[in-house]
Amino acid sequence: MIQKTTTDSLQTSDFLTASILHYHGHTLEALDKNNPEKIIFHFLRNEKTDNVLESFHKGELSVEPQKMAGIQKHLKSRLFTDL
């Protein structure tokens, strides 16, 4: 899992982390598909980013299953439609 952060953005190659960020309202800026074996998700950071990631890594987040499934379906469709 790659997580690079700048002041305004966060990058990750982990699909679950990307799903969690999108679930919690983070904007997906771009997908980097230069390496077909590792796609990088680029998200805009916001005031909740650090708390969401910390809670996720501590196992303290709960999600509504149908909403999460919809988020993951949306992200997967972006993987195959954004060229």
N, C-alpha and C. Protein backbone atom coordinates (compact mmCIF):
# COMPACT_ATOMS: atom_id res chain seq x y z
N MET A 1 0.85 -1.17 0.00
CA MET A 1 0.00 0.00 0.00
C MET A 1 0.89 1.24 0.00
N ILE A 2 0.64 2.12 -0.90
CA ILE A 2 1.38 3.38 -0.98
C ILE A 2 0.46 4.49 -0.50
N GLN A 3 0.93 5.26 0.44
CA GLN A 3 0.18 6.45 0.84
C GLN A 3 1.15 7.61 0.88
N LYS A 4 1.05 8.46 -0.11
CA LYS A 4 1.85 9.68 -0.14
C LYS A 4 0.91 10.83 0.10
N THR A 5 1.33 11.75 0.90
CA THR A 5 0.46 12.88 1.17
C THR A 5 1.19 14.18 0.88
N THR A 6 0.42 15.13 0.45
CA THR A 6 0.88 16.52 0.37
C THR A 6 -0.14 17.31 1.16
N THR A 7 0.00 18.58 1.16
CA THR A 7 -0.94 19.43 1.89
C THR A 7 -2.36 19.25 1.38
N ASP A 8 -2.50 19.11 0.06
CA ASP A 8 -3.83 19.09 -0.55
C ASP A 8 -4.29 17.73 -1.04
N SER A 9 -3.39 16.76 -1.16
CA SER A 9 -3.81 15.49 -1.75
C SER A 9 -3.21 14.30 -1.03
N LEU A 10 -3.80 13.15 -1.30
CA LEU A 10 -3.36 11.88 -0.74
C LEU A 10 -3.40 10.86 -1.87
N GLN A 11 -2.39 10.03 -1.95
CA GLN A 11 -2.33 9.00 -2.98
C GLN A 11 -2.23 7.64 -2.31
N THR A 12 -2.98 6.68 -2.83
CA THR A 12 -2.91 5.31 -2.32
C THR A 12 -3.15 4.33 -3.46
N SER A 13 -2.52 3.17 -3.36
CA SER A 13 -2.77 2.10 -4.32
C SER A 13 -3.68 1.04 -3.71
N ASP A 14 -4.06 1.22 -2.45
CA ASP A 14 -4.88 0.24 -1.75
C ASP A 14 -6.37 0.50 -2.03
N PHE A 15 -7.03 -0.49 -2.64
CA PHE A 15 -8.43 -0.32 -3.02
C PHE A 15 -9.34 -0.11 -1.81
N LEU A 16 -9.09 -0.81 -0.72
CA LEU A 16 -9.93 -0.64 0.46
C LEU A 16 -9.77 0.76 1.06
N THR A 17 -8.54 1.24 1.13
CA THR A 17 -8.32 2.61 1.63
C THR A 17 -9.01 3.62 0.73
N ALA A 18 -8.91 3.42 -0.58
CA ALA A 18 -9.59 4.31 -1.53
C ALA A 18 -11.10 4.26 -1.31
N SER A 19 -11.64 3.08 -1.08
CA SER A 19 -13.07 2.93 -0.85
C SER A 19 -13.50 3.66 0.42
N ILE A 20 -12.72 3.52 1.48
CA ILE A 20 -13.03 4.18 2.75
C ILE A 20 -13.00 5.70 2.59
N LEU A 21 -11.98 6.20 1.91
CA LEU A 21 -11.89 7.65 1.71
C LEU A 21 -13.08 8.17 0.91
N HIS A 22 -13.42 7.47 -0.16
CA HIS A 22 -14.55 7.89 -0.99
C HIS A 22 -15.86 7.79 -0.20
N TYR A 23 -16.01 6.74 0.59
CA TYR A 23 -17.19 6.55 1.44
C TYR A 23 -17.38 7.74 2.37
N HIS A 24 -16.27 8.26 2.88
CA HIS A 24 -16.33 9.36 3.84
C HIS A 24 -16.22 10.73 3.17
N GLY A 25 -16.58 10.80 1.90
CA GLY A 25 -16.75 12.08 1.24
C GLY A 25 -15.53 12.70 0.59
N HIS A 26 -14.45 11.96 0.49
CA HIS A 26 -13.26 12.52 -0.15
C HIS A 26 -13.42 12.46 -1.68
N THR A 27 -12.97 13.51 -2.34
CA THR A 27 -13.09 13.61 -3.79
C THR A 27 -11.94 12.89 -4.48
N LEU A 28 -12.30 11.98 -5.38
CA LEU A 28 -11.30 11.29 -6.18
C LEU A 28 -10.91 12.23 -7.32
N GLU A 29 -9.65 12.71 -7.28
CA GLU A 29 -9.16 13.65 -8.29
C GLU A 29 -8.79 12.95 -9.58
N ALA A 30 -8.09 11.83 -9.45
CA ALA A 30 -7.55 11.17 -10.64
C ALA A 30 -7.15 9.74 -10.30
N LEU A 31 -6.97 8.98 -11.37
CA LEU A 31 -6.41 7.64 -11.28
C LEU A 31 -5.14 7.63 -12.11
N ASP A 32 -4.07 7.12 -11.54
CA ASP A 32 -2.81 6.99 -12.27
C ASP A 32 -2.68 5.54 -12.70
N LYS A 33 -2.82 5.32 -14.01
CA LYS A 33 -2.78 3.96 -14.56
C LYS A 33 -1.49 3.72 -15.35
N ASN A 34 -0.45 4.48 -15.08
CA ASN A 34 0.80 4.31 -15.81
C ASN A 34 1.42 2.94 -15.59
N ASN A 35 1.24 2.39 -14.41
CA ASN A 35 1.71 1.03 -14.12
C ASN A 35 0.47 0.14 -14.02
N PRO A 36 0.24 -0.73 -15.01
CA PRO A 36 -0.99 -1.54 -14.99
C PRO A 36 -1.07 -2.52 -13.81
N GLU A 37 0.04 -2.75 -13.13
CA GLU A 37 0.03 -3.66 -11.98
C GLU A 37 -0.29 -2.94 -10.68
N LYS A 38 -0.25 -1.61 -10.69
CA LYS A 38 -0.51 -0.85 -9.46
C LYS A 38 -1.14 0.49 -9.83
N ILE A 39 -2.43 0.59 -9.69
CA ILE A 39 -3.15 1.83 -9.98
C ILE A 39 -3.13 2.70 -8.73
N ILE A 40 -2.85 3.98 -8.93
CA ILE A 40 -2.79 4.92 -7.82
C ILE A 40 -4.03 5.80 -7.84
N PHE A 41 -4.73 5.85 -6.71
CA PHE A 41 -5.89 6.71 -6.53
C PHE A 41 -5.40 8.03 -5.92
N HIS A 42 -5.82 9.16 -6.50
CA HIS A 42 -5.45 10.48 -6.00
C HIS A 42 -6.70 11.14 -5.41
N PHE A 43 -6.68 11.44 -4.13
CA PHE A 43 -7.80 12.06 -3.43
C PHE A 43 -7.43 13.44 -2.93
N LEU A 44 -8.42 14.32 -2.89
CA LEU A 44 -8.24 15.61 -2.23
C LEU A 44 -8.35 15.39 -0.72
N ARG A 45 -7.43 15.95 0.02
CA ARG A 45 -7.51 15.89 1.48
C ARG A 45 -8.55 16.88 1.97
N ASN A 46 -9.15 16.58 3.11
CA ASN A 46 -10.03 17.55 3.76
C ASN A 46 -9.81 17.46 5.26
N GLU A 47 -10.60 18.17 6.03
CA GLU A 47 -10.39 18.23 7.49
C GLU A 47 -10.60 16.89 8.18
N LYS A 48 -11.27 15.93 7.52
CA LYS A 48 -11.54 14.63 8.13
C LYS A 48 -10.51 13.56 7.76
N THR A 49 -9.62 13.84 6.82
CA THR A 49 -8.74 12.81 6.26
C THR A 49 -7.95 12.06 7.32
N ASP A 50 -7.22 12.78 8.16
CA ASP A 50 -6.37 12.12 9.15
C ASP A 50 -7.18 11.29 10.13
N ASN A 51 -8.32 11.80 10.58
CA ASN A 51 -9.17 11.05 11.52
C ASN A 51 -9.75 9.80 10.87
N VAL A 52 -10.17 9.91 9.62
CA VAL A 52 -10.73 8.75 8.91
C VAL A 52 -9.66 7.66 8.77
N LEU A 53 -8.47 8.04 8.34
CA LEU A 53 -7.41 7.04 8.16
C LEU A 53 -6.98 6.42 9.49
N GLU A 54 -6.88 7.24 10.52
CA GLU A 54 -6.50 6.72 11.83
C GLU A 54 -7.55 5.74 12.35
N SER A 55 -8.81 6.11 12.26
CA SER A 55 -9.89 5.23 12.72
C SER A 55 -9.94 3.94 11.90
N PHE A 56 -9.71 4.05 10.60
CA PHE A 56 -9.68 2.88 9.73
C PHE A 56 -8.58 1.91 10.15
N HIS A 57 -7.38 2.42 10.37
CA HIS A 57 -6.26 1.56 10.73
C HIS A 57 -6.38 0.99 12.14
N LYS A 58 -7.14 1.64 13.00
CA LYS A 58 -7.38 1.12 14.35
C LYS A 58 -8.57 0.15 14.38
N GLY A 59 -9.28 0.02 13.26
CA GLY A 59 -10.44 -0.86 13.21
C GLY A 59 -11.67 -0.27 13.89
N GLU A 60 -11.74 1.04 13.95
CA GLU A 60 -12.83 1.72 14.66
C GLU A 60 -13.93 2.25 13.75
N LEU A 61 -13.78 2.11 12.44
CA LEU A 61 -14.80 2.62 11.52
C LEU A 61 -15.88 1.58 11.30
N SER A 62 -17.10 2.05 11.17
CA SER A 62 -18.17 1.16 10.74
C SER A 62 -18.77 1.78 9.48
N VAL A 63 -19.24 0.91 8.60
CA VAL A 63 -19.82 1.37 7.34
C VAL A 63 -21.15 0.67 7.12
N GLU A 64 -22.00 1.31 6.33
CA GLU A 64 -23.27 0.71 5.93
C GLU A 64 -22.94 -0.16 4.72
N PRO A 65 -23.18 -1.47 4.81
CA PRO A 65 -22.72 -2.40 3.77
C PRO A 65 -23.19 -2.08 2.35
N GLN A 66 -24.45 -1.72 2.18
CA GLN A 66 -24.93 -1.44 0.82
C GLN A 66 -24.30 -0.18 0.25
N LYS A 67 -24.10 0.83 1.09
CA LYS A 67 -23.44 2.05 0.62
C LYS A 67 -22.00 1.74 0.23
N MET A 68 -21.30 0.94 1.05
CA MET A 68 -19.92 0.59 0.76
C MET A 68 -19.82 -0.21 -0.53
N ALA A 69 -20.76 -1.13 -0.74
CA ALA A 69 -20.76 -1.92 -1.97
C ALA A 69 -20.96 -1.00 -3.18
N GLY A 70 -21.81 0.00 -3.05
CA GLY A 70 -22.02 0.96 -4.12
C GLY A 70 -20.78 1.78 -4.41
N ILE A 71 -20.08 2.19 -3.36
CA ILE A 71 -18.83 2.95 -3.51
C ILE A 71 -17.80 2.10 -4.25
N GLN A 72 -17.66 0.84 -3.84
CA GLN A 72 -16.68 -0.03 -4.48
C GLN A 72 -17.04 -0.30 -5.94
N LYS A 73 -18.32 -0.45 -6.21
CA LYS A 73 -18.75 -0.65 -7.59
C LYS A 73 -18.41 0.58 -8.44
N HIS A 74 -18.66 1.76 -7.88
CA HIS A 74 -18.34 3.01 -8.58
C HIS A 74 -16.83 3.11 -8.86
N LEU A 75 -16.01 2.83 -7.85
CA LEU A 75 -14.56 2.91 -8.05
C LEU A 75 -14.08 1.90 -9.09
N LYS A 76 -14.62 0.69 -9.05
CA LYS A 76 -14.23 -0.31 -10.05
C LYS A 76 -14.63 0.13 -11.45
N SER A 77 -15.78 0.75 -11.58
CA SER A 77 -16.20 1.22 -12.91
C SER A 77 -15.24 2.32 -13.39
N ARG A 78 -14.75 3.16 -12.47
CA ARG A 78 -13.78 4.18 -12.84
C ARG A 78 -12.46 3.56 -13.30
N LEU A 79 -12.10 2.43 -12.71
CA LEU A 79 -10.86 1.76 -13.10
C LEU A 79 -10.91 1.34 -14.57
N PHE A 80 -12.08 0.92 -15.01
CA PHE A 80 -12.19 0.38 -16.36
C PHE A 80 -12.68 1.38 -17.39
N THR A 81 -13.22 2.53 -16.96
CA THR A 81 -13.72 3.49 -17.93
C THR A 81 -12.82 4.70 -18.11
N ASP A 82 -12.09 5.11 -17.10
CA ASP A 82 -11.18 6.25 -17.23
C ASP A 82 -9.92 5.79 -17.96
N LEU A 83 -9.66 6.38 -19.07
CA LEU A 83 -8.45 5.98 -19.82
C LEU A 83 -7.41 7.05 -19.78
